[in-house]
Amino acid sequence: MAEETYLVKMEGITKHFPGVTANYKVNLDLRPGEIHALLGENGSGKSTLMSILAGLYHPDDGRIFIAGKKVNFRSPRDAIQAGIGMVHQHFRLVETFTVAENIILGDTAVPFFLRMRRLENKIAALGERYGLKIDPHARIWQLSVGERQRVEIVKMLYRGCRVLILDEPTAVLTPQETKDLFANLRMMAGEGKAVVLITHKLQEVMQVADRVTVLRGGRAIGTLERGTYNERELARLMIGRDIAPQVTRMPAIRGEVVLELHDVHVMNDLGRPGLDGVSLAVHRGEILGVAGIAGNGQRELAEAVAGLRKVIRGRIYIGGEDCTNLGPRTIIDKGVAHIPEDRLGSGLVAGLGALDNLILKDYRRRGFSRGPFIDRRAATARAAALTKQFDVRLTGDLDAPVRLLSGGNLQRLLLAREISASPRLIIAVYPARGLDIAATGIVHQLLVKQRARGAAVLLISEDLDEIFKLSDRIAVLFKGRLAAILPAEGTDPQQVGLLMMGAGLQGAEAV
């Protein structure tokens, strides 16, 4: 290939980690003016390959060329100066800094004497332009996962990267926002940039990608041009076999009310109303999907029910018992499982092994403790059984830090701990965020099985495909208020998307 026909060329990239080969002799080229999709199961080497391009890792073998010039990135700063920017699945933000401070952090073009107001106005305008509204004054710790993702995208746009790598960028966007984002990605490609889209949503690849490269087991299986593939063929290339059937569910047989909220008011981390008079109910044997754009009260709803956030007005009932403002330990003892949005920050302890993470909620109970000491034999047997049952593929033994696991294995580990106790209420927040098609199917099937078992499931997601696939009813949150509760069957996704954006706002139906 002639030099002028590509912006980035990676040749024979190999990367080893202890006990695993993440990439093996991978070739990849990125052309100016294209959107290039990168597909593969969790753990297939996609993030490692792009982290090498972004300067986070150094390859053990292989070469990288930028516009025909061989480069050797020693750090992400080198990559950024070469025009390479990556928005990671697990964000790299300083939580105590503001949005604006994070965006300009490390930017050598920022003058010594800062004019923060001018910079903040520029950042806000850039976010508005690309449909990624952010508050430049807010501190990162006050933001939801979806809002943090927006900050990362705007940061790369602010730095004018020629190659923009996006890891699951639409996981927290409505259909309208996704459409706008794709339009802007196409505009950036039209300006001569190369855009890499890492996604598990095959329909998005079909919709927007000019080319697609499939990775499996650390190797590049092939690169295909637009128009030469379909979703089924891509899925087969990703997992090496035909995809499993779609999740099937029997019609819901609703039982008694398990979770009930009456006029609940909660403050967010900014000291403003996070939930504003929300009333809803979740029944035994049903999945109630809660849809909303990031920052509209989903996080506050999940944390209030889980005992992690104070209710300032209203009541929360679990199994008919008033559980308002009870602590997390008591809520757990009431039979509530919580799958938080940040699986590696809030759900699991990154530095601990699978064994310790799996007994975090059980170590005080009889059978796992001997007085003040943990019964390691019983705990090890329990952890080994759960990792096998939920197909958690460890990188080492049960004591190896879980931060080394792929996103899909982290989520399966979290689900193993939460679901194995047979809870009567499951709070699932973005349960398949960032997972590939195979891992997503496993997570969805687990939730459907819990519904069939009789559990009540409160599913919080900004992925409308996921909401409609799993939910029996759909509640829409907008600015902390309940916009509507609608039956999933027969409801138009566009209608829900408009409600998520505040258009066509209506009162909630009777629960």
Foldseek 3Di string as FASTA:
>chain_A
DDLQFFFKWWFQFWADDVLATLAGGAIDTFGFLFEEEEEAFFSLNPVVVLCCLQQNDFTPDTWMDGSRHTDGRNHSLVNLVSQEAEQDPDGDADQQDFLLCRLCPPPPPQDPDHPSVVSQVVLQVLCVQQVLHDRRGHGNNQFDPLNRSSSRVSSSVVSPGLEYEYQQNCFQPAPVSVVSNLVVVSVSSVVGGTYYYYDQDQVVCLVRGQKYWYGGRNYTPDIGGHPPDHSQVNVCSRPVHGDDDFDDADAFDFDAWFKWWAQWWFAGPVRHTLAGGDTDTWTWLFEEEEAAHTSQNLQVVLCQLQLNGATPDTFMDGPNHTPHNPHNLVSVVSQEFEADPPLDPPQAPQQWFLLCSLCVNPCVDPQQADVVGGPVVSSQVLSVVLCVVLVQDDSDDRGHGCNPGTPLSSLSSSCSSRPVVLGQEYEHESSCRSGHPRSVRSSLNSVSVSSVVTHTYHYYGNPVVSCLSGGQWYWYGGNNYTQEIGGSPPDDSVVNSCVSVVPPGDDYDDD
